[in-house]
Full PDB file with SEQRES, HELIX, SHEET, SSBOND, CRYST1, ORIGX, SCALE, CONECT and MASTER records, all heavy atoms in Angstrom:
SEQRES   1 A   31  THR LEU SER VAL ILE CYS ILE PHE GLY ALA THR GLY THR          
SEQRES   2 A   31  CYS ILE ILE SER ALA ASN ALA ALA GLN SER LYS ASN THR          
SEQRES   3 A   31  ASP PRO PRO ALA MET                                          
SHEET    1 AA1 2 LEU A   2  ILE A   7  0                                        
SHEET    2 AA1 2 THR A  13  ALA A  18 -1                                        
SSBOND   1 CYS A    6    CYS A   14                          1555   1555  2.21  
CRYST1    1.000    1.000    1.000  90.00  90.00  90.00 P 1           1          
ORIGX1      1.000000  0.000000  0.000000        0.00000                         
ORIGX2      0.000000  1.000000  0.000000        0.00000                         
ORIGX3      0.000000  0.000000  1.000000        0.00000                         
SCALE1      1.000000  0.000000  0.000000        0.00000                         
SCALE2      0.000000  1.000000  0.000000        0.00000                         
SCALE3      0.000000  0.000000  1.000000        0.00000                         
ATOM      1  N   THR A   1     -42.258  -1.852  -2.253  1.00  0.00           N  
ATOM      2  CA  THR A   1     -42.119  -0.847  -3.288  1.00  0.00           C  
ATOM      3  C   THR A   1     -41.122  -1.330  -4.313  1.00  0.00           C  
ATOM      4  O   THR A   1     -40.233  -2.117  -4.011  1.00  0.00           O  
ATOM      5  CB  THR A   1     -41.626   0.504  -2.717  1.00  0.00           C  
ATOM      6  OG1 THR A   1     -40.353   0.318  -2.134  1.00  0.00           O  
ATOM      7  CG2 THR A   1     -42.604   1.071  -1.717  1.00  0.00           C  
ATOM      8  N   LEU A   2     -41.301  -0.883  -5.526  1.00  0.00           N  
ATOM      9  CA  LEU A   2     -40.369  -1.189  -6.600  1.00  0.00           C  
ATOM     10  C   LEU A   2     -39.913   0.147  -7.137  1.00  0.00           C  
ATOM     11  O   LEU A   2     -40.726   0.982  -7.493  1.00  0.00           O  
ATOM     12  CB  LEU A   2     -41.066  -2.003  -7.686  1.00  0.00           C  
ATOM     13  CG  LEU A   2     -40.242  -2.424  -8.870  1.00  0.00           C  
ATOM     14  CD1 LEU A   2     -39.173  -3.418  -8.435  1.00  0.00           C  
ATOM     15  CD2 LEU A   2     -41.118  -3.050  -9.921  1.00  0.00           C  
ATOM     16  N   SER A   3     -38.631   0.378  -7.140  1.00  0.00           N  
ATOM     17  CA  SER A   3     -38.139   1.662  -7.599  1.00  0.00           C  
ATOM     18  C   SER A   3     -36.909   1.481  -8.460  1.00  0.00           C  
ATOM     19  O   SER A   3     -36.230   0.475  -8.393  1.00  0.00           O  
ATOM     20  CB  SER A   3     -37.819   2.565  -6.406  1.00  0.00           C  
ATOM     21  OG  SER A   3     -36.851   1.959  -5.595  1.00  0.00           O  
ATOM     22  N   VAL A   4     -36.665   2.490  -9.279  1.00  0.00           N  
ATOM     23  CA  VAL A   4     -35.478   2.484 -10.134  1.00  0.00           C  
ATOM     24  C   VAL A   4     -34.598   3.627  -9.677  1.00  0.00           C  
ATOM     25  O   VAL A   4     -35.046   4.758  -9.538  1.00  0.00           O  
ATOM     26  CB  VAL A   4     -35.849   2.676 -11.614  1.00  0.00           C  
ATOM     27  CG1 VAL A   4     -34.605   2.739 -12.469  1.00  0.00           C  
ATOM     28  CG2 VAL A   4     -36.766   1.573 -12.082  1.00  0.00           C  
ATOM     29  N   ILE A   5     -33.344   3.325  -9.406  1.00  0.00           N  
ATOM     30  CA  ILE A   5     -32.384   4.332  -8.992  1.00  0.00           C  
ATOM     31  C   ILE A   5     -31.263   4.323 -10.020  1.00  0.00           C  
ATOM     32  O   ILE A   5     -30.636   3.300 -10.236  1.00  0.00           O  
ATOM     33  CB  ILE A   5     -31.818   4.019  -7.596  1.00  0.00           C  
ATOM     34  CG1 ILE A   5     -32.950   3.949  -6.573  1.00  0.00           C  
ATOM     35  CG2 ILE A   5     -30.774   5.048  -7.200  1.00  0.00           C  
ATOM     36  CD1 ILE A   5     -32.542   3.340  -5.261  1.00  0.00           C  
ATOM     37  N   CYS A   6     -31.053   5.452 -10.662  1.00  0.00           N  
ATOM     38  CA  CYS A   6     -29.972   5.544 -11.642  1.00  0.00           C  
ATOM     39  C   CYS A   6     -28.911   6.497 -11.110  1.00  0.00           C  
ATOM     40  O   CYS A   6     -29.221   7.616 -10.713  1.00  0.00           O  
ATOM     41  CB  CYS A   6     -30.494   6.057 -12.975  1.00  0.00           C  
ATOM     42  SG  CYS A   6     -31.605   4.905 -13.780  1.00  0.00           S  
ATOM     43  N   ILE A   7     -27.681   6.024 -11.088  1.00  0.00           N  
ATOM     44  CA  ILE A   7     -26.549   6.827 -10.663  1.00  0.00           C  
ATOM     45  C   ILE A   7     -25.609   6.893 -11.854  1.00  0.00           C  
ATOM     46  O   ILE A   7     -25.100   5.878 -12.300  1.00  0.00           O  
ATOM     47  CB  ILE A   7     -25.838   6.187  -9.461  1.00  0.00           C  
ATOM     48  CG1 ILE A   7     -26.832   5.981  -8.318  1.00  0.00           C  
ATOM     49  CG2 ILE A   7     -24.662   7.034  -9.026  1.00  0.00           C  
ATOM     50  CD1 ILE A   7     -26.326   5.055  -7.250  1.00  0.00           C  
ATOM     51  N   PHE A   8     -25.412   8.105 -12.369  1.00  0.00           N  
ATOM     52  CA  PHE A   8     -24.591   8.239 -13.557  1.00  0.00           C  
ATOM     53  C   PHE A   8     -23.240   8.817 -13.198  1.00  0.00           C  
ATOM     54  O   PHE A   8     -23.119   9.641 -12.318  1.00  0.00           O  
ATOM     55  CB  PHE A   8     -25.298   9.124 -14.585  1.00  0.00           C  
ATOM     56  CG  PHE A   8     -26.581   8.517 -15.075  1.00  0.00           C  
ATOM     57  CD1 PHE A   8     -27.794   8.889 -14.546  1.00  0.00           C  
ATOM     58  CD2 PHE A   8     -26.552   7.522 -16.031  1.00  0.00           C  
ATOM     59  CE1 PHE A   8     -28.963   8.316 -14.976  1.00  0.00           C  
ATOM     60  CE2 PHE A   8     -27.718   6.938 -16.467  1.00  0.00           C  
ATOM     61  CZ  PHE A   8     -28.925   7.334 -15.942  1.00  0.00           C  
ATOM     62  N   GLY A   9     -22.252   8.373 -13.897  1.00  0.00           N  
ATOM     63  CA  GLY A   9     -20.886   8.823 -13.683  1.00  0.00           C  
ATOM     64  C   GLY A   9     -19.977   7.931 -14.493  1.00  0.00           C  
ATOM     65  O   GLY A   9     -20.394   7.322 -15.466  1.00  0.00           O  
ATOM     66  N   ALA A  10     -18.771   7.795 -14.071  1.00  0.00           N  
ATOM     67  CA  ALA A  10     -17.802   6.990 -14.808  1.00  0.00           C  
ATOM     68  C   ALA A  10     -18.257   5.538 -14.927  1.00  0.00           C  
ATOM     69  O   ALA A  10     -18.009   4.895 -15.930  1.00  0.00           O  
ATOM     70  CB  ALA A  10     -16.443   7.059 -14.124  1.00  0.00           C  
ATOM     71  N   THR A  11     -18.925   5.030 -13.921  1.00  0.00           N  
ATOM     72  CA  THR A  11     -19.397   3.642 -13.967  1.00  0.00           C  
ATOM     73  C   THR A  11     -20.902   3.620 -13.827  1.00  0.00           C  
ATOM     74  O   THR A  11     -21.450   2.820 -13.080  1.00  0.00           O  
ATOM     75  CB  THR A  11     -18.770   2.819 -12.827  1.00  0.00           C  
ATOM     76  OG1 THR A  11     -19.166   3.392 -11.579  1.00  0.00           O  
ATOM     77  CG2 THR A  11     -17.268   2.755 -12.949  1.00  0.00           C  
ATOM     78  N   GLY A  12     -21.608   4.477 -14.557  1.00  0.00           N  
ATOM     79  CA  GLY A  12     -23.049   4.632 -14.428  1.00  0.00           C  
ATOM     80  C   GLY A  12     -23.791   3.317 -14.241  1.00  0.00           C  
ATOM     81  O   GLY A  12     -23.550   2.351 -14.934  1.00  0.00           O  
ATOM     82  N   THR A  13     -24.667   3.299 -13.287  1.00  0.00           N  
ATOM     83  CA  THR A  13     -25.443   2.102 -13.021  1.00  0.00           C  
ATOM     84  C   THR A  13     -26.893   2.462 -12.776  1.00  0.00           C  
ATOM     85  O   THR A  13     -27.216   3.581 -12.390  1.00  0.00           O  
ATOM     86  CB  THR A  13     -24.927   1.361 -11.769  1.00  0.00           C  
ATOM     87  OG1 THR A  13     -25.031   2.232 -10.653  1.00  0.00           O  
ATOM     88  CG2 THR A  13     -23.516   0.883 -11.946  1.00  0.00           C  
ATOM     89  N   CYS A  14     -27.766   1.508 -13.026  1.00  0.00           N  
ATOM     90  CA  CYS A  14     -29.177   1.635 -12.683  1.00  0.00           C  
ATOM     91  C   CYS A  14     -29.531   0.443 -11.825  1.00  0.00           C  
ATOM     92  O   CYS A  14     -29.140  -0.678 -12.117  1.00  0.00           O  
ATOM     93  CB  CYS A  14     -30.058   1.598 -13.932  1.00  0.00           C  
ATOM     94  SG  CYS A  14     -30.445   3.203 -14.581  1.00  0.00           S  
ATOM     95  N   ILE A  15     -30.253   0.687 -10.778  1.00  0.00           N  
ATOM     96  CA  ILE A  15     -30.655  -0.389  -9.878  1.00  0.00           C  
ATOM     97  C   ILE A  15     -32.162  -0.360  -9.753  1.00  0.00           C  
ATOM     98  O   ILE A  15     -32.744   0.689  -9.497  1.00  0.00           O  
ATOM     99  CB  ILE A  15     -30.029  -0.182  -8.481  1.00  0.00           C  
ATOM    100  CG1 ILE A  15     -28.507  -0.137  -8.589  1.00  0.00           C  
ATOM    101  CG2 ILE A  15     -30.497  -1.257  -7.524  1.00  0.00           C  
ATOM    102  CD1 ILE A  15     -27.822   0.395  -7.366  1.00  0.00           C  
ATOM    103  N   ILE A  16     -32.799  -1.492  -9.946  1.00  0.00           N  
ATOM    104  CA  ILE A  16     -34.220  -1.603  -9.683  1.00  0.00           C  
ATOM    105  C   ILE A  16     -34.333  -2.386  -8.403  1.00  0.00           C  
ATOM    106  O   ILE A  16     -33.806  -3.493  -8.297  1.00  0.00           O  
ATOM    107  CB  ILE A  16     -34.963  -2.309 -10.825  1.00  0.00           C  
ATOM    108  CG1 ILE A  16     -34.852  -1.458 -12.081  1.00  0.00           C  
ATOM    109  CG2 ILE A  16     -36.408  -2.537 -10.441  1.00  0.00           C  
ATOM    110  CD1 ILE A  16     -35.566  -2.003 -13.259  1.00  0.00           C  
ATOM    111  N   SER A  17     -34.982  -1.800  -7.422  1.00  0.00           N  
ATOM    112  CA  SER A  17     -35.026  -2.469  -6.134  1.00  0.00           C  
ATOM    113  C   SER A  17     -36.453  -2.778  -5.720  1.00  0.00           C  
ATOM    114  O   SER A  17     -37.347  -1.993  -5.937  1.00  0.00           O  
ATOM    115  CB  SER A  17     -34.348  -1.624  -5.066  1.00  0.00           C  
ATOM    116  OG  SER A  17     -35.050  -0.415  -4.884  1.00  0.00           O  
ATOM    117  N   ALA A  18     -36.618  -3.942  -5.148  1.00  0.00           N  
ATOM    118  CA  ALA A  18     -37.890  -4.322  -4.550  1.00  0.00           C  
ATOM    119  C   ALA A  18     -37.643  -4.384  -3.055  1.00  0.00           C  
ATOM    120  O   ALA A  18     -36.868  -5.198  -2.585  1.00  0.00           O  
ATOM    121  CB  ALA A  18     -38.327  -5.690  -5.079  1.00  0.00           C  
ATOM    122  N   ASN A  19     -38.259  -3.503  -2.323  1.00  0.00           N  
ATOM    123  CA  ASN A  19     -38.014  -3.410  -0.893  1.00  0.00           C  
ATOM    124  C   ASN A  19     -39.239  -3.860  -0.123  1.00  0.00           C  
ATOM    125  O   ASN A  19     -40.336  -3.436  -0.419  1.00  0.00           O  
ATOM    126  CB  ASN A  19     -37.687  -1.971  -0.500  1.00  0.00           C  
ATOM    127  CG  ASN A  19     -36.469  -1.474  -1.220  1.00  0.00           C  
ATOM    128  OD1 ASN A  19     -35.470  -2.171  -1.283  1.00  0.00           O  
ATOM    129  ND2 ASN A  19     -36.545  -0.290  -1.791  1.00  0.00           N  
ATOM    130  N   ALA A  20     -39.031  -4.658   0.878  1.00  0.00           N  
ATOM    131  CA  ALA A  20     -40.122  -5.088   1.734  1.00  0.00           C  
ATOM    132  C   ALA A  20     -39.887  -4.553   3.131  1.00  0.00           C  
ATOM    133  O   ALA A  20     -38.774  -4.556   3.623  1.00  0.00           O  
ATOM    134  CB  ALA A  20     -40.202  -6.616   1.772  1.00  0.00           C  
ATOM    135  N   ALA A  21     -40.950  -4.098   3.765  1.00  0.00           N  
ATOM    136  CA  ALA A  21     -40.840  -3.562   5.115  1.00  0.00           C  
ATOM    137  C   ALA A  21     -41.021  -4.696   6.112  1.00  0.00           C  
ATOM    138  O   ALA A  21     -42.068  -4.883   6.690  1.00  0.00           O  
ATOM    139  CB  ALA A  21     -41.889  -2.475   5.322  1.00  0.00           C  
ATOM    140  N   GLN A  22     -39.986  -5.504   6.240  1.00  0.00           N  
ATOM    141  CA  GLN A  22     -39.993  -6.620   7.185  1.00  0.00           C  
ATOM    142  C   GLN A  22     -38.566  -7.092   7.354  1.00  0.00           C  
ATOM    143  O   GLN A  22     -37.665  -6.617   6.695  1.00  0.00           O  
ATOM    144  CB  GLN A  22     -40.872  -7.760   6.670  1.00  0.00           C  
ATOM    145  CG  GLN A  22     -40.262  -8.485   5.470  1.00  0.00           C  
ATOM    146  CD  GLN A  22     -41.019  -9.743   5.129  1.00  0.00           C  
ATOM    147  OE1 GLN A  22     -42.217  -9.782   5.253  1.00  0.00           O  
ATOM    148  NE2 GLN A  22     -40.321 -10.760   4.723  1.00  0.00           N  
ATOM    149  N   SER A  23     -38.361  -8.066   8.227  1.00  0.00           N  
ATOM    150  CA  SER A  23     -37.019  -8.599   8.423  1.00  0.00           C  
ATOM    151  C   SER A  23     -36.620  -9.428   7.205  1.00  0.00           C  
ATOM    152  O   SER A  23     -37.453  -9.849   6.419  1.00  0.00           O  
ATOM    153  CB  SER A  23     -36.991  -9.451   9.686  1.00  0.00           C  
ATOM    154  OG  SER A  23     -37.894 -10.525   9.568  1.00  0.00           O  
ATOM    155  N   LYS A  24     -35.318  -9.679   7.077  1.00  0.00           N  
ATOM    156  CA  LYS A  24     -34.802 -10.441   5.943  1.00  0.00           C  
ATOM    157  C   LYS A  24     -35.424 -11.826   5.872  1.00  0.00           C  
ATOM    158  O   LYS A  24     -35.570 -12.508   6.863  1.00  0.00           O  
ATOM    159  CB  LYS A  24     -33.276 -10.578   6.033  1.00  0.00           C  
ATOM    160  CG  LYS A  24     -32.564  -9.311   5.675  1.00  0.00           C  
ATOM    161  CD  LYS A  24     -32.688  -9.052   4.209  1.00  0.00           C  
ATOM    162  CE  LYS A  24     -31.935  -7.829   3.768  1.00  0.00           C  
ATOM    163  NZ  LYS A  24     -32.201  -7.474   2.407  1.00  0.00           N  
ATOM    164  N   ASN A  25     -35.803 -12.212   4.672  1.00  0.00           N  
ATOM    165  CA  ASN A  25     -36.422 -13.504   4.416  1.00  0.00           C  
ATOM    166  C   ASN A  25     -35.804 -14.028   3.125  1.00  0.00           C  
ATOM    167  O   ASN A  25     -36.465 -14.079   2.094  1.00  0.00           O  
ATOM    168  CB  ASN A  25     -37.941 -13.336   4.290  1.00  0.00           C  
ATOM    169  CG  ASN A  25     -38.653 -14.662   4.197  1.00  0.00           C  
ATOM    170  OD1 ASN A  25     -38.077 -15.712   4.461  1.00  0.00           O  
ATOM    171  ND2 ASN A  25     -39.901 -14.619   3.803  1.00  0.00           N  
ATOM    172  N   THR A  26     -34.514 -14.351   3.161  1.00  0.00           N  
ATOM    173  CA  THR A  26     -33.790 -14.706   1.948  1.00  0.00           C  
ATOM    174  C   THR A  26     -33.839 -16.189   1.603  1.00  0.00           C  
ATOM    175  O   THR A  26     -33.476 -16.565   0.499  1.00  0.00           O  
ATOM    176  CB  THR A  26     -32.318 -14.260   2.060  1.00  0.00           C  
ATOM    177  OG1 THR A  26     -31.753 -14.836   3.238  1.00  0.00           O  
ATOM    178  CG2 THR A  26     -32.216 -12.747   2.135  1.00  0.00           C  
ATOM    179  N   ASP A  27     -34.279 -17.044   2.532  1.00  0.00           N  
ATOM    180  CA  ASP A  27     -34.415 -18.465   2.231  1.00  0.00           C  
ATOM    181  C   ASP A  27     -35.719 -18.708   1.490  1.00  0.00           C  
ATOM    182  O   ASP A  27     -36.742 -18.106   1.821  1.00  0.00           O  
ATOM    183  CB  ASP A  27     -34.415 -19.305   3.518  1.00  0.00           C  
ATOM    184  CG  ASP A  27     -33.066 -19.272   4.222  1.00  0.00           C  
ATOM    185  OD1 ASP A  27     -32.046 -19.134   3.521  1.00  0.00           O  
ATOM    186  OD2 ASP A  27     -33.055 -19.372   5.460  1.00  0.00           O  
ATOM    187  N   PRO A  28     -35.710 -19.591   0.478  1.00  0.00           N  
ATOM    188  CA  PRO A  28     -36.955 -19.866  -0.243  1.00  0.00           C  
ATOM    189  C   PRO A  28     -38.009 -20.430   0.712  1.00  0.00           C  
ATOM    190  O   PRO A  28     -37.675 -21.089   1.697  1.00  0.00           O  
ATOM    191  CB  PRO A  28     -36.569 -20.916  -1.277  1.00  0.00           C  
ATOM    192  CG  PRO A  28     -35.105 -21.065  -1.214  1.00  0.00           C  
ATOM    193  CD  PRO A  28     -34.592 -20.375  -0.002  1.00  0.00           C  
ATOM    194  N   PRO A  29     -39.278 -20.160   0.423  1.00  0.00           N  
ATOM    195  CA  PRO A  29     -40.338 -20.722   1.263  1.00  0.00           C  
ATOM    196  C   PRO A  29     -40.205 -22.249   1.317  1.00  0.00           C  
ATOM    197  O   PRO A  29     -39.946 -22.904   0.303  1.00  0.00           O  
ATOM    198  CB  PRO A  29     -41.622 -20.302   0.550  1.00  0.00           C  
ATOM    199  CG  PRO A  29     -41.224 -19.085  -0.237  1.00  0.00           C  
ATOM    200  CD  PRO A  29     -39.805 -19.322  -0.644  1.00  0.00           C  
ATOM    201  N   ALA A  30     -40.377 -22.814   2.500  1.00  0.00           N  
ATOM    202  CA  ALA A  30     -40.257 -24.267   2.692  1.00  0.00           C  
ATOM    203  C   ALA A  30     -41.220 -25.001   1.771  1.00  0.00           C  
ATOM    204  O   ALA A  30     -42.350 -24.570   1.557  1.00  0.00           O  
ATOM    205  CB  ALA A  30     -40.544 -24.619   4.150  1.00  0.00           C  
ATOM    206  N   MET A  31     -40.731 -26.093   1.209  1.00  0.00           N  
ATOM    207  CA  MET A  31     -41.540 -26.974   0.354  1.00  0.00           C  
ATOM    208  C   MET A  31     -42.020 -26.309  -0.941  1.00  0.00           C  
ATOM    209  O   MET A  31     -42.942 -26.768  -1.573  1.00  0.00           O  
ATOM    210  CB  MET A  31     -42.744 -27.520   1.121  1.00  0.00           C  
ATOM    211  CG  MET A  31     -42.406 -28.158   2.454  1.00  0.00           C  
ATOM    212  SD  MET A  31     -41.620 -29.758   2.312  1.00  0.00           S  
ATOM    213  CE  MET A  31     -43.041 -30.761   1.955  1.00  0.00           C  
TER     214      MET A  31                                                      
CONECT   42   94                                                                
CONECT   94   42                                                                
MASTER        0    0    0    0    2    0    0    6  213    1    2    3          
END                                                                             
């Protein structure tokens, strides 16, 4: 899923997140 979360306040931020329903896979694909 891709979603946008905006939290406004003194340090207002917006976060766009891409979430995958699986274990962490942070290393680039081999080769």
